[in-house]
N, C-alpha and C. Protein backbone atom coordinates (compact mmCIF):
# COMPACT_ATOMS: atom_id res chain seq x y z
N MET A 1 28.01 -125.87 90.34
CA MET A 1 27.76 -124.84 89.36
C MET A 1 28.09 -123.48 89.97
N LYS A 2 28.81 -122.68 89.21
CA LYS A 2 29.17 -121.35 89.68
C LYS A 2 28.10 -120.36 89.24
N LEU A 3 27.72 -119.52 90.16
CA LEU A 3 26.76 -118.46 89.84
C LEU A 3 27.53 -117.18 89.60
N SER A 4 28.31 -117.21 88.53
CA SER A 4 29.11 -116.02 88.21
C SER A 4 29.38 -115.97 86.72
N GLY A 5 29.71 -114.77 86.29
CA GLY A 5 30.07 -114.54 84.90
C GLY A 5 31.42 -113.83 84.87
N GLU A 6 31.67 -113.10 83.81
CA GLU A 6 32.94 -112.36 83.70
C GLU A 6 33.00 -111.19 84.67
N LYS A 7 31.89 -110.43 84.77
CA LYS A 7 31.89 -109.20 85.55
C LYS A 7 31.06 -109.27 86.83
N ILE A 8 30.24 -110.31 86.97
CA ILE A 8 29.32 -110.37 88.11
C ILE A 8 29.37 -111.72 88.80
N SER A 9 28.88 -111.73 90.04
CA SER A 9 28.63 -112.99 90.73
C SER A 9 27.32 -112.83 91.49
N LEU A 10 26.65 -113.94 91.68
CA LEU A 10 25.39 -113.99 92.42
C LEU A 10 25.63 -114.76 93.70
N ARG A 11 25.02 -114.29 94.77
CA ARG A 11 25.20 -114.99 96.05
C ARG A 11 23.95 -114.83 96.90
N ALA A 12 23.87 -115.66 97.93
CA ALA A 12 22.76 -115.60 98.88
C ALA A 12 22.83 -114.30 99.69
N LEU A 13 21.71 -113.95 100.28
CA LEU A 13 21.66 -112.78 101.15
C LEU A 13 22.46 -113.02 102.42
N GLU A 14 23.10 -111.98 102.90
CA GLU A 14 23.88 -112.02 104.14
C GLU A 14 23.36 -110.91 105.07
N PRO A 15 23.59 -111.03 106.38
CA PRO A 15 23.14 -109.97 107.31
C PRO A 15 23.66 -108.58 106.95
N GLU A 16 24.87 -108.51 106.40
CA GLU A 16 25.43 -107.19 106.05
C GLU A 16 24.75 -106.56 104.83
N ASP A 17 23.81 -107.26 104.20
CA ASP A 17 23.06 -106.70 103.07
C ASP A 17 21.87 -105.86 103.52
N LEU A 18 21.64 -105.78 104.83
CA LEU A 18 20.46 -105.08 105.34
C LEU A 18 20.37 -103.65 104.84
N GLY A 19 21.45 -102.88 104.89
CA GLY A 19 21.42 -101.49 104.46
C GLY A 19 21.07 -101.36 102.98
N PHE A 20 21.67 -102.18 102.14
CA PHE A 20 21.40 -102.14 100.70
C PHE A 20 19.94 -102.51 100.43
N LEU A 21 19.49 -103.58 101.08
CA LEU A 21 18.11 -104.04 100.91
C LEU A 21 17.13 -102.96 101.37
N TYR A 22 17.42 -102.34 102.49
CA TYR A 22 16.57 -101.27 103.03
C TYR A 22 16.47 -100.10 102.04
N ASP A 23 17.60 -99.70 101.47
CA ASP A 23 17.60 -98.59 100.51
C ASP A 23 16.82 -98.94 99.25
N ILE A 24 16.99 -100.13 98.74
CA ILE A 24 16.29 -100.55 97.52
C ILE A 24 14.80 -100.70 97.76
N GLU A 25 14.43 -101.43 98.81
CA GLU A 25 13.02 -101.71 99.07
C GLU A 25 12.22 -100.45 99.42
N ASN A 26 12.89 -99.43 99.92
CA ASN A 26 12.20 -98.20 100.30
C ASN A 26 12.39 -97.07 99.29
N ASN A 27 12.95 -97.39 98.13
CA ASN A 27 13.09 -96.41 97.06
C ASN A 27 11.80 -96.45 96.24
N GLU A 28 11.00 -95.41 96.36
CA GLU A 28 9.68 -95.39 95.72
C GLU A 28 9.75 -95.52 94.20
N SER A 29 10.86 -95.18 93.59
CA SER A 29 10.96 -95.30 92.14
C SER A 29 10.96 -96.77 91.69
N PHE A 30 11.22 -97.71 92.60
CA PHE A 30 11.19 -99.13 92.27
C PHE A 30 9.87 -99.80 92.63
N TRP A 31 8.99 -99.09 93.31
CA TRP A 31 7.78 -99.72 93.82
C TRP A 31 6.85 -100.24 92.73
N GLU A 32 6.84 -99.60 91.58
CA GLU A 32 5.97 -100.08 90.51
C GLU A 32 6.35 -101.49 90.08
N VAL A 33 7.65 -101.75 89.91
CA VAL A 33 8.07 -103.07 89.45
C VAL A 33 8.05 -104.12 90.56
N SER A 34 8.14 -103.68 91.80
CA SER A 34 8.13 -104.64 92.91
C SER A 34 6.74 -104.80 93.52
N HIS A 35 5.78 -104.06 93.00
CA HIS A 35 4.40 -104.09 93.50
C HIS A 35 4.33 -103.76 94.99
N THR A 36 5.18 -102.85 95.41
CA THR A 36 5.22 -102.40 96.80
C THR A 36 4.40 -101.12 96.93
N GLN A 37 3.77 -100.95 98.08
CA GLN A 37 2.98 -99.74 98.30
C GLN A 37 3.36 -99.03 99.60
N THR A 38 4.08 -99.72 100.46
CA THR A 38 4.45 -99.12 101.74
C THR A 38 5.91 -99.43 102.04
N PRO A 39 6.54 -98.59 102.83
CA PRO A 39 7.95 -98.83 103.17
C PRO A 39 8.11 -100.08 104.04
N PHE A 40 9.32 -100.64 104.00
CA PHE A 40 9.68 -101.77 104.85
C PHE A 40 10.57 -101.27 105.97
N SER A 41 10.34 -101.79 107.17
CA SER A 41 11.21 -101.44 108.30
C SER A 41 12.47 -102.29 108.25
N LYS A 42 13.52 -101.82 108.90
CA LYS A 42 14.74 -102.62 109.00
C LYS A 42 14.47 -103.91 109.75
N PHE A 43 13.57 -103.86 110.73
CA PHE A 43 13.22 -105.05 111.51
C PHE A 43 12.64 -106.14 110.59
N ILE A 44 11.69 -105.77 109.74
CA ILE A 44 11.06 -106.73 108.83
C ILE A 44 12.09 -107.27 107.83
N LEU A 45 12.92 -106.40 107.31
CA LEU A 45 13.93 -106.84 106.34
C LEU A 45 14.99 -107.73 106.99
N LYS A 46 15.31 -107.44 108.25
CA LYS A 46 16.25 -108.30 108.98
C LYS A 46 15.66 -109.71 109.14
N GLN A 47 14.36 -109.77 109.46
CA GLN A 47 13.70 -111.08 109.56
C GLN A 47 13.70 -111.80 108.21
N TYR A 48 13.47 -111.04 107.14
CA TYR A 48 13.48 -111.62 105.79
C TYR A 48 14.84 -112.25 105.50
N ILE A 49 15.90 -111.52 105.81
CA ILE A 49 17.26 -112.04 105.58
C ILE A 49 17.50 -113.29 106.44
N GLU A 50 17.05 -113.26 107.68
CA GLU A 50 17.24 -114.41 108.58
C GLU A 50 16.54 -115.66 108.06
N HIS A 51 15.46 -115.49 107.31
CA HIS A 51 14.72 -116.64 106.79
C HIS A 51 15.08 -116.95 105.33
N SER A 52 16.02 -116.21 104.79
CA SER A 52 16.37 -116.42 103.38
C SER A 52 17.18 -117.70 103.17
N HIS A 53 17.54 -118.38 104.25
CA HIS A 53 18.27 -119.64 104.11
C HIS A 53 17.37 -120.77 103.59
N LEU A 54 16.05 -120.56 103.66
CA LEU A 54 15.14 -121.58 103.14
C LEU A 54 15.39 -121.73 101.64
N ASP A 55 15.45 -122.97 101.18
CA ASP A 55 15.73 -123.13 99.75
C ASP A 55 14.47 -122.91 98.92
N ILE A 56 14.65 -122.84 97.63
CA ILE A 56 13.56 -122.51 96.72
C ILE A 56 12.42 -123.53 96.79
N TYR A 57 12.72 -124.76 97.14
CA TYR A 57 11.69 -125.78 97.20
C TYR A 57 10.75 -125.55 98.38
N GLU A 58 11.27 -124.96 99.43
CA GLU A 58 10.45 -124.67 100.62
C GLU A 58 9.81 -123.29 100.55
N ALA A 59 10.59 -122.30 100.17
CA ALA A 59 10.12 -120.91 100.18
C ALA A 59 9.36 -120.53 98.91
N LYS A 60 9.54 -121.29 97.84
CA LYS A 60 8.94 -121.00 96.53
C LYS A 60 9.46 -119.71 95.91
N GLN A 61 10.57 -119.23 96.42
CA GLN A 61 11.23 -118.04 95.87
C GLN A 61 12.70 -118.09 96.23
N LEU A 62 13.47 -117.28 95.51
CA LEU A 62 14.90 -117.19 95.76
C LEU A 62 15.36 -115.80 95.37
N ARG A 63 15.99 -115.10 96.29
CA ARG A 63 16.56 -113.80 96.00
C ARG A 63 18.07 -113.91 96.13
N LEU A 64 18.76 -113.41 95.11
CA LEU A 64 20.21 -113.42 95.11
C LEU A 64 20.73 -112.00 94.95
N MET A 65 21.82 -111.71 95.65
CA MET A 65 22.49 -110.42 95.50
C MET A 65 23.39 -110.49 94.28
N ILE A 66 23.47 -109.38 93.57
CA ILE A 66 24.36 -109.26 92.42
C ILE A 66 25.54 -108.39 92.84
N GLU A 67 26.74 -108.91 92.65
CA GLU A 67 27.95 -108.16 92.99
C GLU A 67 28.86 -108.05 91.78
N LYS A 68 29.60 -106.94 91.74
CA LYS A 68 30.67 -106.83 90.76
C LYS A 68 31.74 -107.82 91.19
N LYS A 69 32.20 -108.61 90.27
CA LYS A 69 33.15 -109.68 90.60
C LYS A 69 34.49 -109.14 91.10
N ASP A 70 34.96 -108.05 90.51
CA ASP A 70 36.29 -107.56 90.86
C ASP A 70 36.33 -106.82 92.20
N THR A 71 35.20 -106.26 92.65
CA THR A 71 35.20 -105.46 93.88
C THR A 71 34.25 -105.95 94.96
N SER A 72 33.40 -106.91 94.64
CA SER A 72 32.33 -107.39 95.55
C SER A 72 31.34 -106.29 95.91
N GLU A 73 31.29 -105.23 95.11
CA GLU A 73 30.34 -104.15 95.33
C GLU A 73 28.95 -104.61 94.93
N LYS A 74 27.96 -104.38 95.79
CA LYS A 74 26.58 -104.77 95.51
C LYS A 74 26.02 -103.84 94.44
N ILE A 75 25.45 -104.44 93.38
CA ILE A 75 24.89 -103.61 92.31
C ILE A 75 23.41 -103.90 92.04
N GLY A 76 22.85 -104.91 92.70
CA GLY A 76 21.44 -105.20 92.47
C GLY A 76 21.03 -106.54 93.07
N MET A 77 19.84 -106.95 92.66
CA MET A 77 19.27 -108.22 93.13
C MET A 77 18.52 -108.87 91.98
N ILE A 78 18.44 -110.18 92.03
CA ILE A 78 17.61 -110.91 91.08
C ILE A 78 16.79 -111.93 91.86
N ASP A 79 15.53 -112.04 91.47
CA ASP A 79 14.60 -112.91 92.19
C ASP A 79 14.01 -113.96 91.27
N LEU A 80 13.84 -115.13 91.82
CA LEU A 80 12.96 -116.14 91.26
C LEU A 80 11.74 -116.14 92.17
N PHE A 81 10.56 -116.05 91.60
CA PHE A 81 9.35 -116.01 92.42
C PHE A 81 8.29 -116.93 91.80
N ASP A 82 7.26 -117.21 92.56
CA ASP A 82 6.18 -118.10 92.11
C ASP A 82 6.73 -119.42 91.58
N TYR A 83 7.79 -119.91 92.23
CA TYR A 83 8.35 -121.20 91.82
C TYR A 83 7.29 -122.27 91.96
N ASN A 84 7.11 -123.05 90.88
CA ASN A 84 6.11 -124.10 90.88
C ASN A 84 6.80 -125.42 90.53
N PRO A 85 7.04 -126.28 91.54
CA PRO A 85 7.75 -127.54 91.29
C PRO A 85 6.94 -128.54 90.46
N GLN A 86 5.63 -128.43 90.49
CA GLN A 86 4.80 -129.34 89.71
C GLN A 86 4.94 -129.07 88.21
N HIS A 87 4.95 -127.78 87.85
CA HIS A 87 4.98 -127.41 86.44
C HIS A 87 6.37 -126.92 85.99
N LEU A 88 7.33 -126.96 86.92
CA LEU A 88 8.73 -126.63 86.64
C LEU A 88 8.89 -125.25 86.01
N ARG A 89 8.33 -124.24 86.69
CA ARG A 89 8.45 -122.88 86.18
C ARG A 89 8.63 -121.90 87.33
N ALA A 90 9.13 -120.71 86.97
CA ALA A 90 9.28 -119.62 87.94
C ALA A 90 9.32 -118.29 87.20
N GLY A 91 8.96 -117.24 87.91
CA GLY A 91 9.08 -115.90 87.37
C GLY A 91 10.43 -115.31 87.73
N ILE A 92 10.87 -114.34 86.94
CA ILE A 92 12.14 -113.66 87.19
C ILE A 92 11.89 -112.17 87.35
N GLY A 93 12.52 -111.61 88.37
CA GLY A 93 12.54 -110.16 88.55
C GLY A 93 13.98 -109.74 88.75
N ILE A 94 14.37 -108.66 88.13
CA ILE A 94 15.76 -108.20 88.23
C ILE A 94 15.76 -106.70 88.50
N LEU A 95 16.65 -106.30 89.38
CA LEU A 95 16.80 -104.88 89.68
C LEU A 95 18.29 -104.56 89.76
N ILE A 96 18.71 -103.66 88.90
CA ILE A 96 20.09 -103.16 88.92
C ILE A 96 20.02 -101.73 89.43
N HIS A 97 20.84 -101.42 90.43
CA HIS A 97 20.87 -100.05 90.97
C HIS A 97 21.14 -99.08 89.82
N PRO A 98 20.46 -97.93 89.80
CA PRO A 98 20.63 -96.97 88.70
C PRO A 98 22.09 -96.59 88.39
N ASN A 99 22.96 -96.58 89.39
CA ASN A 99 24.37 -96.25 89.15
C ASN A 99 25.09 -97.27 88.27
N PHE A 100 24.49 -98.46 88.11
CA PHE A 100 25.15 -99.54 87.38
C PHE A 100 24.36 -99.98 86.14
N GLN A 101 23.29 -99.27 85.81
CA GLN A 101 22.50 -99.64 84.64
C GLN A 101 23.22 -99.23 83.36
N GLN A 102 22.82 -99.89 82.26
CA GLN A 102 23.36 -99.62 80.93
C GLN A 102 24.86 -99.94 80.81
N LYS A 103 25.32 -100.91 81.60
CA LYS A 103 26.73 -101.30 81.56
C LYS A 103 26.91 -102.79 81.25
N GLY A 104 25.81 -103.46 80.89
CA GLY A 104 25.88 -104.87 80.53
C GLY A 104 25.73 -105.84 81.69
N PHE A 105 25.60 -105.32 82.90
CA PHE A 105 25.49 -106.21 84.06
C PHE A 105 24.21 -107.05 84.02
N ALA A 106 23.08 -106.42 83.70
CA ALA A 106 21.79 -107.13 83.71
C ALA A 106 21.80 -108.29 82.73
N SER A 107 22.37 -108.09 81.56
CA SER A 107 22.40 -109.15 80.57
C SER A 107 23.22 -110.34 81.05
N GLU A 108 24.35 -110.05 81.65
CA GLU A 108 25.19 -111.13 82.17
C GLU A 108 24.50 -111.86 83.31
N VAL A 109 23.87 -111.11 84.20
CA VAL A 109 23.15 -111.70 85.33
C VAL A 109 22.04 -112.61 84.82
N LEU A 110 21.26 -112.12 83.87
CA LEU A 110 20.15 -112.91 83.35
C LEU A 110 20.66 -114.19 82.69
N SER A 111 21.74 -114.10 81.96
CA SER A 111 22.33 -115.28 81.32
C SER A 111 22.75 -116.33 82.35
N VAL A 112 23.41 -115.88 83.42
CA VAL A 112 23.85 -116.79 84.48
C VAL A 112 22.63 -117.43 85.16
N LEU A 113 21.59 -116.64 85.42
CA LEU A 113 20.42 -117.18 86.11
C LEU A 113 19.64 -118.16 85.22
N ILE A 114 19.51 -117.85 83.95
CA ILE A 114 18.82 -118.78 83.04
C ILE A 114 19.54 -120.13 83.04
N ASN A 115 20.84 -120.11 82.93
CA ASN A 115 21.62 -121.34 82.95
C ASN A 115 21.40 -122.12 84.26
N TYR A 116 21.44 -121.41 85.38
CA TYR A 116 21.21 -122.03 86.69
C TYR A 116 19.81 -122.66 86.76
N CYS A 117 18.82 -121.91 86.30
CA CYS A 117 17.44 -122.40 86.37
C CYS A 117 17.22 -123.65 85.51
N PHE A 118 17.74 -123.63 84.30
CA PHE A 118 17.50 -124.75 83.39
C PHE A 118 18.36 -125.97 83.67
N TYR A 119 19.59 -125.76 84.15
CA TYR A 119 20.49 -126.90 84.28
C TYR A 119 20.80 -127.32 85.72
N GLN A 120 20.48 -126.47 86.69
CA GLN A 120 20.66 -126.86 88.09
C GLN A 120 19.29 -127.14 88.73
N LEU A 121 18.36 -126.22 88.55
CA LEU A 121 17.02 -126.40 89.12
C LEU A 121 16.12 -127.23 88.23
N ASN A 122 16.55 -127.49 87.01
CA ASN A 122 15.82 -128.29 86.05
C ASN A 122 14.43 -127.72 85.73
N LEU A 123 14.34 -126.40 85.67
CA LEU A 123 13.07 -125.79 85.30
C LEU A 123 12.83 -125.95 83.81
N HIS A 124 11.57 -125.97 83.45
CA HIS A 124 11.16 -126.09 82.05
C HIS A 124 10.93 -124.72 81.42
N GLN A 125 10.47 -123.76 82.27
CA GLN A 125 10.21 -122.44 81.72
C GLN A 125 10.36 -121.34 82.75
N LEU A 126 10.67 -120.16 82.23
CA LEU A 126 10.80 -118.95 83.02
C LEU A 126 9.90 -117.89 82.40
N TYR A 127 9.44 -116.96 83.24
CA TYR A 127 8.64 -115.87 82.69
C TYR A 127 8.95 -114.57 83.39
N ALA A 128 8.58 -113.48 82.72
CA ALA A 128 8.78 -112.14 83.27
C ALA A 128 7.56 -111.30 82.90
N ASN A 129 7.15 -110.44 83.82
CA ASN A 129 6.06 -109.50 83.61
C ASN A 129 6.67 -108.11 83.49
N ILE A 130 6.46 -107.44 82.35
CA ILE A 130 7.12 -106.16 82.09
C ILE A 130 6.09 -105.17 81.56
N THR A 131 6.05 -103.97 82.15
CA THR A 131 5.13 -102.96 81.64
C THR A 131 5.59 -102.52 80.24
N THR A 132 4.63 -102.10 79.43
CA THR A 132 4.92 -101.77 78.03
C THR A 132 5.87 -100.58 77.89
N ASP A 133 5.99 -99.75 78.92
CA ASP A 133 6.88 -98.60 78.82
C ASP A 133 8.29 -98.88 79.35
N ASN A 134 8.54 -100.08 79.84
CA ASN A 134 9.87 -100.44 80.37
C ASN A 134 10.71 -101.02 79.23
N LEU A 135 11.15 -100.13 78.35
CA LEU A 135 11.84 -100.55 77.13
C LEU A 135 13.17 -101.25 77.41
N SER A 136 13.88 -100.84 78.47
CA SER A 136 15.16 -101.51 78.76
C SER A 136 14.94 -102.97 79.15
N SER A 137 13.92 -103.23 79.97
CA SER A 137 13.65 -104.62 80.36
C SER A 137 13.14 -105.44 79.18
N ILE A 138 12.30 -104.84 78.35
CA ILE A 138 11.82 -105.55 77.16
C ILE A 138 13.02 -105.94 76.29
N SER A 139 13.92 -105.00 76.08
CA SER A 139 15.12 -105.26 75.28
C SER A 139 15.98 -106.36 75.90
N LEU A 140 16.15 -106.29 77.21
CA LEU A 140 16.96 -107.29 77.93
C LEU A 140 16.39 -108.69 77.76
N PHE A 141 15.11 -108.85 78.03
CA PHE A 141 14.53 -110.19 78.00
C PHE A 141 14.40 -110.73 76.58
N THR A 142 14.09 -109.87 75.62
CA THR A 142 14.02 -110.36 74.23
C THR A 142 15.41 -110.73 73.72
N LYS A 143 16.43 -110.02 74.17
CA LYS A 143 17.81 -110.37 73.81
C LYS A 143 18.15 -111.80 74.24
N HIS A 144 17.52 -112.23 75.33
CA HIS A 144 17.77 -113.58 75.87
C HIS A 144 16.68 -114.57 75.45
N ASN A 145 16.02 -114.25 74.33
CA ASN A 145 15.07 -115.16 73.67
C ASN A 145 13.75 -115.36 74.39
N PHE A 146 13.42 -114.50 75.33
CA PHE A 146 12.08 -114.56 75.91
C PHE A 146 11.10 -114.10 74.84
N GLN A 147 9.98 -114.78 74.74
CA GLN A 147 8.96 -114.47 73.74
C GLN A 147 7.77 -113.78 74.40
N LYS A 148 7.27 -112.78 73.72
CA LYS A 148 6.05 -112.10 74.17
C LYS A 148 4.88 -113.04 73.91
N ILE A 149 4.15 -113.39 74.97
CA ILE A 149 3.05 -114.35 74.79
C ILE A 149 1.69 -113.77 75.12
N GLY A 150 1.67 -112.56 75.66
CA GLY A 150 0.38 -111.96 75.95
C GLY A 150 0.52 -110.59 76.59
N ILE A 151 -0.60 -109.87 76.56
CA ILE A 151 -0.65 -108.55 77.18
C ILE A 151 -1.80 -108.54 78.18
N LYS A 152 -1.48 -108.10 79.38
CA LYS A 152 -2.50 -107.93 80.41
C LYS A 152 -2.88 -106.45 80.39
N LYS A 153 -4.09 -106.16 79.92
CA LYS A 153 -4.57 -104.79 79.74
C LYS A 153 -4.84 -104.12 81.09
N ASP A 154 -4.43 -102.85 81.19
CA ASP A 154 -4.70 -102.04 82.39
C ASP A 154 -4.33 -102.78 83.67
N TRP A 155 -3.20 -103.46 83.67
CA TRP A 155 -2.83 -104.37 84.75
C TRP A 155 -2.20 -103.65 85.95
N ILE A 156 -1.44 -102.60 85.69
CA ILE A 156 -0.70 -101.91 86.74
C ILE A 156 -1.21 -100.47 86.86
N LEU A 157 -1.61 -100.10 88.06
CA LEU A 157 -2.00 -98.72 88.32
C LEU A 157 -0.78 -97.99 88.87
N SER A 158 -0.32 -96.98 88.13
CA SER A 158 0.88 -96.25 88.51
C SER A 158 0.63 -94.76 88.32
N LYS A 159 0.76 -94.04 89.42
CA LYS A 159 0.59 -92.58 89.40
C LYS A 159 -0.75 -92.18 88.78
N GLY A 160 -1.79 -92.91 89.15
CA GLY A 160 -3.14 -92.57 88.71
C GLY A 160 -3.53 -93.04 87.32
N LYS A 161 -2.63 -93.75 86.63
CA LYS A 161 -2.94 -94.23 85.29
C LYS A 161 -2.66 -95.72 85.20
N PHE A 162 -3.48 -96.41 84.41
CA PHE A 162 -3.27 -97.83 84.21
C PHE A 162 -2.28 -98.08 83.08
N LYS A 163 -1.46 -99.11 83.27
CA LYS A 163 -0.50 -99.52 82.26
C LYS A 163 -0.75 -100.98 81.89
N ASP A 164 -0.46 -101.29 80.65
CA ASP A 164 -0.49 -102.68 80.21
C ASP A 164 0.80 -103.36 80.64
N GLU A 165 0.70 -104.66 80.89
CA GLU A 165 1.88 -105.45 81.25
C GLU A 165 2.00 -106.61 80.27
N ILE A 166 3.20 -106.81 79.77
CA ILE A 166 3.46 -107.88 78.81
C ILE A 166 4.01 -109.09 79.56
N LEU A 167 3.54 -110.26 79.19
CA LEU A 167 4.04 -111.50 79.75
C LEU A 167 5.03 -112.09 78.74
N TYR A 168 6.26 -112.28 79.19
CA TYR A 168 7.32 -112.87 78.40
C TYR A 168 7.64 -114.26 78.96
N GLN A 169 7.96 -115.20 78.07
CA GLN A 169 8.22 -116.57 78.49
C GLN A 169 9.43 -117.13 77.74
N LEU A 170 10.21 -117.91 78.45
CA LEU A 170 11.32 -118.65 77.84
C LEU A 170 11.18 -120.11 78.23
N ILE A 171 11.07 -120.96 77.23
CA ILE A 171 10.97 -122.41 77.46
C ILE A 171 12.35 -123.01 77.21
N LYS A 172 12.72 -123.93 78.09
CA LYS A 172 14.05 -124.56 77.99
C LYS A 172 14.23 -125.17 76.61
N PRO A 173 15.35 -124.84 75.98
CA PRO A 173 15.59 -125.39 74.61
C PRO A 173 15.83 -126.88 74.64
């Protein structure tokens, strides 16, 4: 199975991704969605990359780099997390660098990953947690048939205020 679409491809982490990963993980504007509170050192991120060879069955997560297909330029990352082999489900997190947002990349990436999850990993369901003010992510996931199944009240504390988080779910057709 190819992890690629018309404009993007997904691939495993490589040692040369350290700089990109360092910039993304230490960008405070992304900390709300990644639930990060402190910066990551290059040393810790290097160790993370070195251990990223573990497959999803062992690590219970999978992070893939998103590249533009025509240039191999890194434009973001997509994660499967909380993989549960007993119940055949996983969460999805996606981050597109701001320079590449609103260009259709996220939609293509999500489509490729959904196909991979349902037909290669044989998952039964996927879910995403999205704050109520993240309208682009809500639009993205609903476009791909994720259904709103609940709201977690005052779930995320951001800049001194609590935000609600919506739980979206997609069950394999």
